[in-house]
Amino acid sequence: MKKHITLFGKESLFGDSRQELWDIDDRKKLYGVSDLSECPEDAIIGRALLSGEEVLDLVELGMNYSKMGYDEIEYNYLECPEDVELGGFIQDYLDNENANNGKYNKN
């Protein structure tokens, strides 16, 4: 059984990047990360750097997927258009997933 995971990405005009990992089947955000170019000194564990606790949460999530019978991951990457806010892009995709059929580039 396949688990459908999508990584949404957005790069700003200034080169800053932001990504969110979503479980498409359950419409659930699993993880988010972004550059800290405005305040790089704020790159602390638990804010922008993955903490040990978050790693354990992701490992536990994988174990739970396995218990539910998932043995394969179908992974897509969707790049958010420059003129669209990432949160709106994700919500539009989730609301219209079946209607999208290639509307957004899948890599």
PDB file of N, CA and C in Angstrom:
ATOM      1  N   MET A   1       0.852  -1.174   0.000  1.00  0.00           N
ATOM      2  CA  MET A   1       0.000   0.000   0.000  1.00  0.00           C
ATOM      3  C   MET A   1       0.904   1.244   0.000  1.00  0.00           C
ATOM      4  N   LYS A   2       0.509   2.247  -0.791  1.00  0.00           N
ATOM      5  CA  LYS A   2       1.315   3.466  -0.919  1.00  0.00           C
ATOM      6  C   LYS A   2       0.820   4.584  -0.003  1.00  0.00           C
ATOM      7  N   LYS A   3       1.757   5.294   0.597  1.00  0.00           N
ATOM      8  CA  LYS A   3       1.472   6.512   1.350  1.00  0.00           C
ATOM      9  C   LYS A   3       1.880   7.675   0.447  1.00  0.00           C
ATOM     10  N   HIS A   4       1.018   8.647   0.279  1.00  0.00           N
ATOM     11  CA  HIS A   4       1.274   9.776  -0.609  1.00  0.00           C
ATOM     12  C   HIS A   4       1.784  10.974   0.189  1.00  0.00           C
ATOM     13  N   ILE A   5       3.006  11.369  -0.116  1.00  0.00           N
ATOM     14  CA  ILE A   5       3.675  12.469   0.572  1.00  0.00           C
ATOM     15  C   ILE A   5       4.028  13.537  -0.462  1.00  0.00           C
ATOM     16  N   THR A   6       3.799  14.792  -0.133  1.00  0.00           N
ATOM     17  CA  THR A   6       4.157  15.890  -1.039  1.00  0.00           C
ATOM     18  C   THR A   6       4.992  16.911  -0.292  1.00  0.00           C
ATOM     19  N   LEU A   7       6.074  17.330  -0.926  1.00  0.00           N
ATOM     20  CA  LEU A   7       6.910  18.410  -0.425  1.00  0.00           C
ATOM     21  C   LEU A   7       6.598  19.636  -1.252  1.00  0.00           C
ATOM     22  N   PHE A   8       6.066  20.663  -0.595  1.00  0.00           N
ATOM     23  CA  PHE A   8       5.772  21.930  -1.253  1.00  0.00           C
ATOM     24  C   PHE A   8       6.950  22.867  -1.011  1.00  0.00           C
ATOM     25  N   GLY A   9       7.393  23.554  -2.035  1.00  0.00           N
ATOM     26  CA  GLY A   9       8.520  24.455  -1.895  1.00  0.00           C
ATOM     27  C   GLY A   9       8.229  25.824  -2.463  1.00  0.00           C
ATOM     28  N   LYS A  10       8.901  26.806  -1.909  1.00  0.00           N
ATOM     29  CA  LYS A  10       8.753  28.192  -2.371  1.00  0.00           C
ATOM     30  C   LYS A  10      10.093  28.876  -2.224  1.00  0.00           C
ATOM     31  N   GLU A  11      10.538  29.530  -3.292  1.00  0.00           N
ATOM     32  CA  GLU A  11      11.753  30.328  -3.225  1.00  0.00           C
ATOM     33  C   GLU A  11      11.371  31.762  -3.547  1.00  0.00           C
ATOM     34  N   SER A  12      11.788  32.697  -2.689  1.00  0.00           N
ATOM     35  CA  SER A  12      11.438  34.088  -2.898  1.00  0.00           C
ATOM     36  C   SER A  12      12.360  34.713  -3.935  1.00  0.00           C
ATOM     37  N   LEU A  13      12.026  35.920  -4.326  1.00  0.00           N
ATOM     38  CA  LEU A  13      12.858  36.657  -5.281  1.00  0.00           C
ATOM     39  C   LEU A  13      14.253  36.893  -4.740  1.00  0.00           C
ATOM     40  N   PHE A  14      14.391  36.883  -3.408  1.00  0.00           N
ATOM     41  CA  PHE A  14      15.675  37.155  -2.767  1.00  0.00           C
ATOM     42  C   PHE A  14      16.461  35.881  -2.480  1.00  0.00           C
ATOM     43  N   GLY A  15      15.942  34.725  -2.920  1.00  0.00           N
ATOM     44  CA  GLY A  15      16.651  33.468  -2.755  1.00  0.00           C
ATOM     45  C   GLY A  15      16.333  32.707  -1.483  1.00  0.00           C
ATOM     46  N   ASP A  16      15.460  33.247  -0.639  1.00  0.00           N
ATOM     47  CA  ASP A  16      15.062  32.537   0.578  1.00  0.00           C
ATOM     48  C   ASP A  16      14.166  31.362   0.202  1.00  0.00           C
ATOM     49  N   SER A  17      14.297  30.263   0.924  1.00  0.00           N
ATOM     50  CA  SER A  17      13.504  29.075   0.635  1.00  0.00           C
ATOM     51  C   SER A  17      12.652  28.675   1.831  1.00  0.00           C
ATOM     52  N   ARG A  18      11.516  28.082   1.520  1.00  0.00           N
ATOM     53  CA  ARG A  18      10.617  27.551   2.544  1.00  0.00           C
ATOM     54  C   ARG A  18      10.019  26.267   1.996  1.00  0.00           C
ATOM     55  N   GLN A  19       9.910  25.242   2.844  1.00  0.00           N
ATOM     56  CA  GLN A  19       9.348  23.971   2.423  1.00  0.00           C
ATOM     57  C   GLN A  19       8.429  23.424   3.507  1.00  0.00           C
ATOM     58  N   GLU A  20       7.373  22.728   3.058  1.00  0.00           N
ATOM     59  CA  GLU A  20       6.475  22.038   3.965  1.00  0.00           C
ATOM     60  C   GLU A  20       6.230  20.638   3.422  1.00  0.00           C
ATOM     61  N   LEU A  21       6.341  19.641   4.296  1.00  0.00           N
ATOM     62  CA  LEU A  21       6.120  18.244   3.955  1.00  0.00           C
ATOM     63  C   LEU A  21       4.729  17.848   4.441  1.00  0.00           C
ATOM     64  N   TRP A  22       3.899  17.317   3.531  1.00  0.00           N
ATOM     65  CA  TRP A  22       2.514  16.997   3.858  1.00  0.00           C
ATOM     66  C   TRP A  22       2.179  15.545   3.544  1.00  0.00           C
ATOM     67  N   ASP A  23       1.401  14.935   4.425  1.00  0.00           N
ATOM     68  CA  ASP A  23       0.779  13.643   4.185  1.00  0.00           C
ATOM     69  C   ASP A  23      -0.514  13.961   3.436  1.00  0.00           C
ATOM     70  N   ILE A  24      -0.517  13.714   2.136  1.00  0.00           N
ATOM     71  CA  ILE A  24      -1.656  14.081   1.298  1.00  0.00           C
ATOM     72  C   ILE A  24      -2.881  13.246   1.618  1.00  0.00           C
ATOM     73  N   ASP A  25      -2.677  11.975   1.941  1.00  0.00           N
ATOM     74  CA  ASP A  25      -3.809  11.098   2.252  1.00  0.00           C
ATOM     75  C   ASP A  25      -4.602  11.610   3.454  1.00  0.00           C
ATOM     76  N   ASP A  26      -3.887  12.076   4.472  1.00  0.00           N
ATOM     77  CA  ASP A  26      -4.539  12.538   5.706  1.00  0.00           C
ATOM     78  C   ASP A  26      -4.684  14.054   5.784  1.00  0.00           C
ATOM     79  N   ARG A  27      -4.218  14.761   4.734  1.00  0.00           N
ATOM     80  CA  ARG A  27      -4.275  16.235   4.704  1.00  0.00           C
ATOM     81  C   ARG A  27      -3.631  16.824   5.965  1.00  0.00           C
ATOM     82  N   LYS A  28      -2.404  16.341   6.257  1.00  0.00           N
ATOM     83  CA  LYS A  28      -1.736  16.702   7.507  1.00  0.00           C
ATOM     84  C   LYS A  28      -0.314  17.189   7.230  1.00  0.00           C
ATOM     85  N   LYS A  29       0.025  18.344   7.782  1.00  0.00           N
ATOM     86  CA  LYS A  29       1.391  18.850   7.679  1.00  0.00           C
ATOM     87  C   LYS A  29       2.276  18.032   8.613  1.00  0.00           C
ATOM     88  N   LEU A  30       3.373  17.506   8.049  1.00  0.00           N
ATOM     89  CA  LEU A  30       4.296  16.687   8.830  1.00  0.00           C
ATOM     90  C   LEU A  30       5.481  17.493   9.335  1.00  0.00           C
ATOM     91  N   TYR A  31       5.948  18.432   8.520  1.00  0.00           N
ATOM     92  CA  TYR A  31       7.167  19.162   8.878  1.00  0.00           C
ATOM     93  C   TYR A  31       7.281  20.404   8.012  1.00  0.00           C
ATOM     94  N   GLY A  32       7.838  21.444   8.554  1.00  0.00           N
ATOM     95  CA  GLY A  32       8.100  22.670   7.809  1.00  0.00           C
ATOM     96  C   GLY A  32       9.465  23.225   8.162  1.00  0.00           C
ATOM     97  N   VAL A  33      10.094  23.856   7.187  1.00  0.00           N
ATOM     98  CA  VAL A  33      11.422  24.426   7.401  1.00  0.00           C
ATOM     99  C   VAL A  33      11.584  25.637   6.483  1.00  0.00           C
ATOM    100  N   SER A  34      12.364  26.608   6.935  1.00  0.00           N
ATOM    101  CA  SER A  34      12.627  27.776   6.101  1.00  0.00           C
ATOM    102  C   SER A  34      14.000  28.344   6.418  1.00  0.00           C
ATOM    103  N   ASP A  35      14.515  29.104   5.461  1.00  0.00           N
ATOM    104  CA  ASP A  35      15.773  29.803   5.679  1.00  0.00           C
ATOM    105  C   ASP A  35      15.577  30.855   6.764  1.00  0.00           C
ATOM    106  N   LEU A  36      16.652  31.179   7.453  1.00  0.00           N
ATOM    107  CA  LEU A  36      16.608  32.241   8.456  1.00  0.00           C
ATOM    108  C   LEU A  36      17.531  33.378   8.028  1.00  0.00           C
ATOM    109  N   SER A  37      17.343  33.855   6.821  1.00  0.00           N
ATOM    110  CA  SER A  37      18.242  34.873   6.295  1.00  0.00           C
ATOM    111  C   SER A  37      18.089  36.217   7.006  1.00  0.00           C
ATOM    112  N   GLU A  38      16.906  36.479   7.566  1.00  0.00           N
ATOM    113  CA  GLU A  38      16.712  37.743   8.277  1.00  0.00           C
ATOM    114  C   GLU A  38      17.475  37.768   9.593  1.00  0.00           C
ATOM    115  N   CYS A  39      17.498  36.666  10.291  1.00  0.00           N
ATOM    116  CA  CYS A  39      18.186  36.574  11.583  1.00  0.00           C
ATOM    117  C   CYS A  39      18.900  35.232  11.687  1.00  0.00           C
ATOM    118  N   PRO A  40      20.011  35.038  10.956  1.00  0.00           N
ATOM    119  CA  PRO A  40      20.671  33.722  10.992  1.00  0.00           C
ATOM    120  C   PRO A  40      21.144  33.324  12.386  1.00  0.00           C
ATOM    121  N   GLU A  41      21.337  34.297  13.249  1.00  0.00           N
ATOM    122  CA  GLU A  41      21.761  33.965  14.611  1.00  0.00           C
ATOM    123  C   GLU A  41      20.647  33.274  15.391  1.00  0.00           C
ATOM    124  N   ASP A  42      19.427  33.301  14.852  1.00  0.00           N
ATOM    125  CA  ASP A  42      18.299  32.646  15.503  1.00  0.00           C
ATOM    126  C   ASP A  42      18.126  31.193  15.077  1.00  0.00           C
ATOM    127  N   ALA A  43      19.067  30.655  14.325  1.00  0.00           N
ATOM    128  CA  ALA A  43      18.983  29.257  13.887  1.00  0.00           C
ATOM    129  C   ALA A  43      19.307  28.360  15.076  1.00  0.00           C
ATOM    130  N   ILE A  44      18.301  28.164  15.911  1.00  0.00           N
ATOM    131  CA  ILE A  44      18.495  27.369  17.120  1.00  0.00           C
ATOM    132  C   ILE A  44      17.704  26.069  17.017  1.00  0.00           C
ATOM    133  N   ILE A  45      18.128  25.057  17.734  1.00  0.00           N
ATOM    134  CA  ILE A  45      17.419  23.782  17.758  1.00  0.00           C
ATOM    135  C   ILE A  45      15.996  24.032  18.256  1.00  0.00           C
ATOM    136  N   GLY A  46      15.051  23.494  17.539  1.00  0.00           N
ATOM    137  CA  GLY A  46      13.655  23.666  17.905  1.00  0.00           C
ATOM    138  C   GLY A  46      12.981  24.809  17.171  1.00  0.00           C
ATOM    139  N   ARG A  47      13.763  25.712  16.607  1.00  0.00           N
ATOM    140  CA  ARG A  47      13.157  26.780  15.820  1.00  0.00           C
ATOM    141  C   ARG A  47      13.313  26.484  14.344  1.00  0.00           C
ATOM    142  N   ALA A  48      14.530  26.512  13.844  1.00  0.00           N
ATOM    143  CA  ALA A  48      14.744  26.245  12.428  1.00  0.00           C
ATOM    144  C   ALA A  48      15.556  24.982  12.208  1.00  0.00           C
ATOM    145  N   LEU A  49      16.219  24.538  13.217  1.00  0.00           N
ATOM    146  CA  LEU A  49      16.989  23.305  13.095  1.00  0.00           C
ATOM    147  C   LEU A  49      16.178  22.162  13.673  1.00  0.00           C
ATOM    148  N   LEU A  50      16.225  21.038  13.001  1.00  0.00           N
ATOM    149  CA  LEU A  50      15.500  19.857  13.443  1.00  0.00           C
ATOM    150  C   LEU A  50      16.014  19.417  14.816  1.00  0.00           C
ATOM    151  N   SER A  51      15.105  19.278  15.758  1.00  0.00           N
ATOM    152  CA  SER A  51      15.496  18.835  17.094  1.00  0.00           C
ATOM    153  C   SER A  51      15.448  17.313  17.172  1.00  0.00           C
ATOM    154  N   GLY A  52      16.116  16.759  18.150  1.00  0.00           N
ATOM    155  CA  GLY A  52      16.064  15.318  18.373  1.00  0.00           C
ATOM    156  C   GLY A  52      14.646  14.828  18.580  1.00  0.00           C
ATOM    157  N   GLU A  53      13.845  15.618  19.266  1.00  0.00           N
ATOM    158  CA  GLU A  53      12.453  15.251  19.521  1.00  0.00           C
ATOM    159  C   GLU A  53      11.662  15.170  18.212  1.00  0.00           C
ATOM    160  N   GLU A  54      11.926  16.120  17.299  1.00  0.00           N
ATOM    161  CA  GLU A  54      11.241  16.088  16.003  1.00  0.00           C
ATOM    162  C   GLU A  54      11.675  14.876  15.174  1.00  0.00           C
ATOM    163  N   VAL A  55      12.950  14.512  15.262  1.00  0.00           N
ATOM    164  CA  VAL A  55      13.431  13.319  14.566  1.00  0.00           C
ATOM    165  C   VAL A  55      12.694  12.095  15.089  1.00  0.00           C
ATOM    166  N   LEU A  56      12.570  11.987  16.404  1.00  0.00           N
ATOM    167  CA  LEU A  56      11.855  10.848  16.988  1.00  0.00           C
ATOM    168  C   LEU A  56      10.391  10.837  16.561  1.00  0.00           C
ATOM    169  N   ASP A  57       9.772  12.010  16.483  1.00  0.00           N
ATOM    170  CA  ASP A  57       8.384  12.092  16.016  1.00  0.00           C
ATOM    171  C   ASP A  57       8.258  11.556  14.593  1.00  0.00           C
ATOM    172  N   LEU A  58       9.205  11.906  13.726  1.00  0.00           N
ATOM    173  CA  LEU A  58       9.169  11.435  12.342  1.00  0.00           C
ATOM    174  C   LEU A  58       9.434   9.931  12.250  1.00  0.00           C
ATOM    175  N   VAL A  59      10.345   9.418  13.070  1.00  0.00           N
ATOM    176  CA  VAL A  59      10.604   7.973  13.104  1.00  0.00           C
ATOM    177  C   VAL A  59       9.337   7.242  13.572  1.00  0.00           C
ATOM    178  N   GLU A  60       8.714   7.763  14.631  1.00  0.00           N
ATOM    179  CA  GLU A  60       7.479   7.155  15.134  1.00  0.00           C
ATOM    180  C   GLU A  60       6.381   7.189  14.070  1.00  0.00           C
ATOM    181  N   LEU A  61       6.291   8.285  13.326  1.00  0.00           N
ATOM    182  CA  LEU A  61       5.314   8.389  12.256  1.00  0.00           C
ATOM    183  C   LEU A  61       5.546   7.290  11.221  1.00  0.00           C
ATOM    184  N   GLY A  62       6.809   7.080  10.838  1.00  0.00           N
ATOM    185  CA  GLY A  62       7.139   6.023   9.888  1.00  0.00           C
ATOM    186  C   GLY A  62       6.761   4.643  10.410  1.00  0.00           C
ATOM    187  N   MET A  63       7.012   4.422  11.686  1.00  0.00           N
ATOM    188  CA  MET A  63       6.652   3.140  12.291  1.00  0.00           C
ATOM    189  C   MET A  63       5.133   2.946  12.273  1.00  0.00           C
ATOM    190  N   ASN A  64       4.396   4.022  12.557  1.00  0.00           N
ATOM    191  CA  ASN A  64       2.931   3.936  12.538  1.00  0.00           C
ATOM    192  C   ASN A  64       2.410   3.665  11.130  1.00  0.00           C
ATOM    193  N   TYR A  65       3.028   4.312  10.115  1.00  0.00           N
ATOM    194  CA  TYR A  65       2.638   4.027   8.733  1.00  0.00           C
ATOM    195  C   TYR A  65       2.834   2.548   8.434  1.00  0.00           C
ATOM    196  N   SER A  66       3.942   1.993   8.905  1.00  0.00           N
ATOM    197  CA  SER A  66       4.232   0.577   8.679  1.00  0.00           C
ATOM    198  C   SER A  66       3.177  -0.303   9.345  1.00  0.00           C
ATOM    199  N   LYS A  67       2.807   0.035  10.571  1.00  0.00           N
ATOM    200  CA  LYS A  67       1.781  -0.735  11.281  1.00  0.00           C
ATOM    201  C   LYS A  67       0.438  -0.689  10.555  1.00  0.00           C
ATOM    202  N   MET A  68       0.174   0.430   9.860  1.00  0.00           N
ATOM    203  CA  MET A  68      -1.088   0.578   9.119  1.00  0.00           C
ATOM    204  C   MET A  68      -1.044  -0.139   7.772  1.00  0.00           C
ATOM    205  N   GLY A  69       0.100  -0.730   7.452  1.00  0.00           N
ATOM    206  CA  GLY A  69       0.193  -1.496   6.221  1.00  0.00           C
ATOM    207  C   GLY A  69       0.871  -0.799   5.054  1.00  0.00           C
ATOM    208  N   TYR A  70       1.333   0.413   5.263  1.00  0.00           N
ATOM    209  CA  TYR A  70       2.033   1.120   4.183  1.00  0.00           C
ATOM    210  C   TYR A  70       3.435   0.536   4.033  1.00  0.00           C
ATOM    211  N   ASP A  71       3.796   0.204   2.797  1.00  0.00           N
ATOM    212  CA  ASP A  71       5.125  -0.349   2.544  1.00  0.00           C
ATOM    213  C   ASP A  71       5.848   0.395   1.420  1.00  0.00           C
ATOM    214  N   GLU A  72       5.234   1.505   0.966  1.00  0.00           N
ATOM    215  CA  GLU A  72       5.817   2.280  -0.121  1.00  0.00           C
ATOM    216  C   GLU A  72       5.382   3.743   0.018  1.00  0.00           C
ATOM    217  N   ILE A  73       6.260   4.647  -0.407  1.00  0.00           N
ATOM    218  CA  ILE A  73       5.932   6.082  -0.380  1.00  0.00           C
ATOM    219  C   ILE A  73       5.946   6.605  -1.807  1.00  0.00           C
ATOM    220  N   GLU A  74       4.868   7.285  -2.174  1.00  0.00           N
ATOM    221  CA  GLU A  74       4.841   8.015  -3.438  1.00  0.00           C
ATOM    222  C   GLU A  74       5.095   9.475  -3.090  1.00  0.00           C
ATOM    223  N   TYR A  75       6.167  10.019  -3.620  1.00  0.00           N
ATOM    224  CA  TYR A  75       6.649  11.332  -3.232  1.00  0.00           C
ATOM    225  C   TYR A  75       6.580  12.286  -4.413  1.00  0.00           C
ATOM    226  N   ASN A  76       6.033  13.467  -4.190  1.00  0.00           N
ATOM    227  CA  ASN A  76       5.986  14.523  -5.200  1.00  0.00           C
ATOM    228  C   ASN A  76       6.574  15.801  -4.630  1.00  0.00           C
ATOM    229  N   TYR A  77       7.176  16.592  -5.493  1.00  0.00           N
ATOM    230  CA  TYR A  77       7.635  17.926  -5.122  1.00  0.00           C
ATOM    231  C   TYR A  77       6.883  18.921  -5.983  1.00  0.00           C
ATOM    232  N   LEU A  78       6.248  19.887  -5.342  1.00  0.00           N
ATOM    233  CA  LEU A  78       5.526  20.932  -6.055  1.00  0.00           C
ATOM    234  C   LEU A  78       6.122  22.287  -5.689  1.00  0.00           C
ATOM    235  N   GLU A  79       6.556  23.013  -6.685  1.00  0.00           N
ATOM    236  CA  GLU A  79       7.134  24.347  -6.474  1.00  0.00           C
ATOM    237  C   GLU A  79       6.017  25.374  -6.579  1.00  0.00           C
ATOM    238  N   CYS A  80       5.910  26.201  -5.566  1.00  0.00           N
ATOM    239  CA  CYS A  80       4.908  27.254  -5.519  1.00  0.00           C
ATOM    240  C   CYS A  80       5.286  28.364  -6.504  1.00  0.00           C
ATOM    241  N   PRO A  81       4.333  28.837  -7.310  1.00  0.00           N
ATOM    242  CA  PRO A  81       4.628  29.958  -8.217  1.00  0.00           C
ATOM    243  C   PRO A  81       5.059  31.201  -7.439  1.00  0.00           C
ATOM    244  N   GLU A  82       5.888  32.011  -8.057  1.00  0.00           N
ATOM    245  CA  GLU A  82       6.437  33.198  -7.393  1.00  0.00           C
ATOM    246  C   GLU A  82       5.358  34.150  -6.901  1.00  0.00           C
ATOM    247  N   ASP A  83       4.271  34.264  -7.634  1.00  0.00           N
ATOM    248  CA  ASP A  83       3.240  35.257  -7.312  1.00  0.00           C
ATOM    249  C   ASP A  83       2.158  34.733  -6.361  1.00  0.00           C
ATOM    250  N   VAL A  84       2.394  33.559  -5.752  1.00  0.00           N
ATOM    251  CA  VAL A  84       1.406  32.952  -4.855  1.00  0.00           C
ATOM    252  C   VAL A  84       2.054  32.691  -3.503  1.00  0.00           C
ATOM    253  N   GLU A  85       1.305  32.935  -2.443  1.00  0.00           N
ATOM    254  CA  GLU A  85       1.786  32.664  -1.084  1.00  0.00           C
ATOM    255  C   GLU A  85       1.717  31.155  -0.846  1.00  0.00           C
ATOM    256  N   LEU A  86       2.744  30.588  -0.182  1.00  0.00           N
ATOM    257  CA  LEU A  86       2.856  29.142  -0.023  1.00  0.00           C
ATOM    258  C   LEU A  86       1.640  28.535   0.681  1.00  0.00           C
ATOM    259  N   GLY A  87       1.180  29.145   1.753  1.00  0.00           N
ATOM    260  CA  GLY A  87       0.024  28.607   2.479  1.00  0.00           C
ATOM    261  C   GLY A  87      -1.218  28.516   1.600  1.00  0.00           C
ATOM    262  N   GLY A  88      -1.453  29.537   0.799  1.00  0.00           N
ATOM    263  CA  GLY A  88      -2.591  29.528  -0.122  1.00  0.00           C
ATOM    264  C   GLY A  88      -2.435  28.488  -1.214  1.00  0.00           C
ATOM    265  N   PHE A  89      -1.206  28.334  -1.689  1.00  0.00           N
ATOM    266  CA  PHE A  89      -0.902  27.336  -2.715  1.00  0.00           C
ATOM    267  C   PHE A  89      -1.195  25.933  -2.197  1.00  0.00           C
ATOM    268  N   ILE A  90      -0.750  25.652  -0.976  1.00  0.00           N
ATOM    269  CA  ILE A  90      -0.981  24.332  -0.385  1.00  0.00           C
ATOM    270  C   ILE A  90      -2.471  24.096  -0.184  1.00  0.00           C
ATOM    271  N   GLN A  91      -3.160  25.085   0.359  1.00  0.00           N
ATOM    272  CA  GLN A  91      -4.597  24.919   0.605  1.00  0.00           C
ATOM    273  C   GLN A  91      -5.359  24.702  -0.699  1.00  0.00           C
ATOM    274  N   ASP A  92      -4.994  25.451  -1.745  1.00  0.00           N
ATOM    275  CA  ASP A  92      -5.628  25.280  -3.047  1.00  0.00           C
ATOM    276  C   ASP A  92      -5.394  23.869  -3.568  1.00  0.00           C
ATOM    277  N   TYR A  93      -4.181  23.381  -3.414  1.00  0.00           N
ATOM    278  CA  TYR A  93      -3.856  22.023  -3.869  1.00  0.00           C
ATOM    279  C   TYR A  93      -4.674  20.982  -3.101  1.00  0.00           C
ATOM    280  N   LEU A  94      -4.732  21.128  -1.778  1.00  0.00           N
ATOM    281  CA  LEU A  94      -5.481  20.163  -0.968  1.00  0.00           C
ATOM    282  C   LEU A  94      -6.975  20.209  -1.285  1.00  0.00           C
ATOM    283  N   ASP A  95      -7.501  21.410  -1.482  1.00  0.00           N
ATOM    284  CA  ASP A  95      -8.928  21.558  -1.780  1.00  0.00           C
ATOM    285  C   ASP A  95      -9.296  21.010  -3.153  1.00  0.00           C
ATOM    286  N   ASN A  96      -8.345  21.059  -4.082  1.00  0.00           N
ATOM    287  CA  ASN A  96      -8.633  20.687  -5.468  1.00  0.00           C
ATOM    288  C   ASN A  96      -7.760  19.555  -5.970  1.00  0.00           C
ATOM    289  N   GLU A  97      -7.266  18.712  -5.072  1.00  0.00           N
ATOM    290  CA  GLU A  97      -6.293  17.687  -5.452  1.00  0.00           C
ATOM    291  C   GLU A  97      -6.742  16.866  -6.653  1.00  0.00           C
ATOM    292  N   ASN A  98      -7.942  16.374  -6.648  1.00  0.00           N
ATOM    293  CA  ASN A  98      -8.405  15.537  -7.746  1.00  0.00           C
ATOM    294  C   ASN A  98      -8.601  16.339  -9.031  1.00  0.00           C
ATOM    295  N   ALA A  99      -8.877  17.622  -8.905  1.00  0.00           N
ATOM    296  CA  ALA A  99      -9.090  18.461 -10.085  1.00  0.00           C
ATOM    297  C   ALA A  99      -7.780  19.001 -10.657  1.00  0.00           C
ATOM    298  N   ASN A 100      -6.691  18.958  -9.879  1.00  0.00           N
ATOM    299  CA  ASN A 100      -5.433  19.547 -10.330  1.00  0.00           C
ATOM    300  C   ASN A 100      -4.881  18.847 -11.565  1.00  0.00           C
ATOM    301  N   ASN A 101      -4.792  17.533 -11.544  1.00  0.00           N
ATOM    302  CA  ASN A 101      -4.336  16.743 -12.686  1.00  0.00           C
ATOM    303  C   ASN A 101      -3.282  17.456 -13.530  1.00  0.00           C
ATOM    304  N   GLY A 102      -2.152  17.749 -12.916  1.00  0.00           N
ATOM    305  CA  GLY A 102      -1.057  18.355 -13.670  1.00  0.00           C
ATOM    306  C   GLY A 102      -1.069  19.869 -13.685  1.00  0.00           C
ATOM    307  N   LYS A 103      -2.000  20.499 -12.966  1.00  0.00           N
ATOM    308  CA  LYS A 103      -2.039  21.958 -12.930  1.00  0.00           C
ATOM    309  C   LYS A 103      -0.736  22.517 -12.409  1.00  0.00           C
ATOM    310  N   TYR A 104      -0.161  21.824 -11.449  1.00  0.00           N
ATOM    311  CA  TYR A 104       1.125  22.234 -10.892  1.00  0.00           C
ATOM    312  C   TYR A 104       2.197  21.254 -11.327  1.00  0.00           C
ATOM    313  N   ASN A 105       3.404  21.746 -11.468  1.00  0.00           N
ATOM    314  CA  ASN A 105       4.510  20.893 -11.899  1.00  0.00           C
ATOM    315  C   ASN A 105       4.882  19.908 -10.812  1.00  0.00           C
ATOM    316  N   LYS A 106       4.928  18.649 -11.158  1.00  0.00           N
ATOM    317  CA  LYS A 106       5.383  17.601 -10.240  1.00  0.00           C
ATOM    318  C   LYS A 106       6.761  17.186 -10.689  1.00  0.00           C
ATOM    319  N   ASN A 107       7.720  17.170  -9.766  1.00  0.00           N
ATOM    320  CA  ASN A 107       9.073  16.735 -10.097  1.00  0.00           C
ATOM    321  C   ASN A 107       9.359  15.424  -9.424  1.00  0.00           C
TER     322      ASN A 107
END
